[in-house]
Amino acid sequence: MEEKCCERTKHRESKEYKDMINRLSRIEGQVRGIRKMVGEERYCVDILTQVSAIQSALNSFNKKLLASHIHSCVVDDIQDGKVEAVDELCEIIQKLMK
C-alpha cells in the first residue's frame, strides 16, 4: 500500500511562515534568472555558478525546515508516544543526504 504525501498538516507561526516564503521567493527568482541566462545564451560556467547558488539556497532552506521539524513535530510525536517519528526522521535525513 502506497503512503499518501502530505496528509498531515503543521501550523506555522507568522514569522516562520514569512521567512520560508521569502526564501522560496528568492530561490524562485534565481531559477527565473537562470532561464533568462539560457535564453540569452550566456556562458556555461556563469549558468553553473548560478545553479550552484540555488542548490546552496535550497540546502539552507532544508536545514532550517528540518531543524524546525525536529524541534516541533518530532518532539511532539515522541512526547505523545509516537516513537515511529524517529524512523520517519531517519528516512527523511537519508533522502536529504543523497
Protein backbone atom coordinates (compact mmCIF):
# COMPACT_ATOMS: atom_id res chain seq x y z
CA MET A 1 0.00 0.00 0.00
CA GLU A 2 1.44 3.37 -1.03
CA GLU A 3 1.57 6.13 1.57
CA LYS A 4 -0.07 9.41 0.61
CA CYS A 5 2.07 12.51 0.68
CA CYS A 6 1.15 15.47 2.81
CA GLU A 7 -1.75 14.00 4.78
CA ARG A 8 -0.57 15.73 7.94
CA THR A 9 -0.51 19.48 8.38
CA LYS A 10 1.51 21.84 10.52
CA HIS A 11 0.58 25.31 11.65
CA ARG A 12 3.49 27.74 11.38
CA GLU A 13 3.81 30.98 13.26
CA SER A 14 3.72 34.11 11.14
CA LYS A 15 7.47 34.79 11.40
CA GLU A 16 8.43 31.25 10.36
CA TYR A 17 5.91 31.28 7.51
CA LYS A 18 7.14 34.64 6.19
CA ASP A 19 10.77 33.52 6.40
CA MET A 20 10.01 30.34 4.45
CA ILE A 21 8.04 32.20 1.77
CA ASN A 22 10.77 34.84 1.42
CA ARG A 23 13.46 32.19 0.99
CA LEU A 24 11.37 30.31 -1.58
CA SER A 25 10.61 33.54 -3.46
CA ARG A 26 14.33 34.31 -3.71
CA ILE A 27 15.02 30.79 -4.99
CA GLU A 28 12.19 31.11 -7.49
CA GLY A 29 13.72 34.38 -8.71
CA GLN A 30 17.11 32.71 -9.07
CA VAL A 31 15.57 29.94 -11.19
CA ARG A 32 13.89 32.52 -13.42
CA GLY A 33 17.26 34.25 -13.72
CA ILE A 34 18.86 31.04 -14.96
CA ARG A 35 16.08 30.57 -17.51
CA LYS A 36 16.82 34.08 -18.76
CA MET A 37 20.55 33.35 -18.89
CA VAL A 38 19.92 30.26 -21.02
CA GLY A 39 17.73 32.31 -23.34
CA GLU A 40 20.49 34.91 -23.63
CA GLU A 41 22.99 32.15 -24.49
CA ARG A 42 25.16 33.02 -21.52
CA TYR A 43 28.43 31.21 -20.87
CA CYS A 44 28.02 27.73 -19.32
CA VAL A 45 30.21 28.46 -16.30
CA ASP A 46 28.13 31.53 -15.43
CA ILE A 47 24.95 29.41 -15.51
CA LEU A 48 26.56 26.62 -13.50
CA THR A 49 27.63 29.15 -10.87
CA GLN A 50 24.02 30.30 -10.52
CA VAL A 51 22.78 26.70 -10.32
CA SER A 52 25.25 26.11 -7.51
CA ALA A 53 23.89 29.17 -5.69
CA ILE A 54 20.36 27.76 -5.98
CA GLN A 55 21.48 24.41 -4.62
CA SER A 56 23.07 26.17 -1.65
CA ALA A 57 19.89 28.18 -1.07
CA LEU A 58 17.78 25.00 -1.17
CA ASN A 59 20.17 23.26 1.23
CA SER A 60 19.89 26.20 3.60
CA PHE A 61 16.09 26.07 3.34
CA ASN A 62 16.15 22.33 4.07
CA LYS A 63 18.37 22.82 7.14
CA LYS A 64 16.03 25.42 8.62
CA LEU A 65 12.93 23.35 7.86
CA LEU A 66 14.49 20.16 9.22
CA ALA A 67 15.53 21.88 12.45
CA SER A 68 12.03 23.28 12.86
CA HIS A 69 10.54 19.85 12.16
CA ILE A 70 12.75 18.19 14.77
CA HIS A 71 12.05 20.84 17.42
CA SER A 72 8.30 20.77 16.88
CA CYS A 73 6.79 17.80 15.05
CA VAL A 74 9.28 15.12 16.13
CA VAL A 75 9.39 16.26 19.75
CA ASP A 76 5.59 16.46 19.91
CA ASP A 77 5.20 12.98 18.40
CA ILE A 78 7.73 11.44 20.79
CA GLN A 79 6.05 13.11 23.77
CA ASP A 80 2.75 11.65 22.53
CA GLY A 81 4.36 8.18 22.46
CA LYS A 82 4.66 8.04 18.67
CA VAL A 83 8.24 6.76 18.52
CA GLU A 84 7.83 5.95 14.81
CA ALA A 85 8.59 9.65 14.32
CA VAL A 86 12.25 8.73 14.78
CA ASP A 87 12.06 6.26 11.88
CA GLU A 88 10.37 8.89 9.73
CA LEU A 89 13.10 11.38 10.66
CA CYS A 90 15.85 8.89 9.77
CA GLU A 91 14.20 8.25 6.39
CA ILE A 92 13.98 11.94 5.51
CA ILE A 93 17.59 12.53 6.57
CA GLN A 94 18.68 9.68 4.29
CA LYS A 95 16.73 11.24 1.39
CA LEU A 96 18.26 14.66 2.04
CA MET A 97 21.78 13.23 2.10
CA LYS A 98 21.60 11.64 -1.36
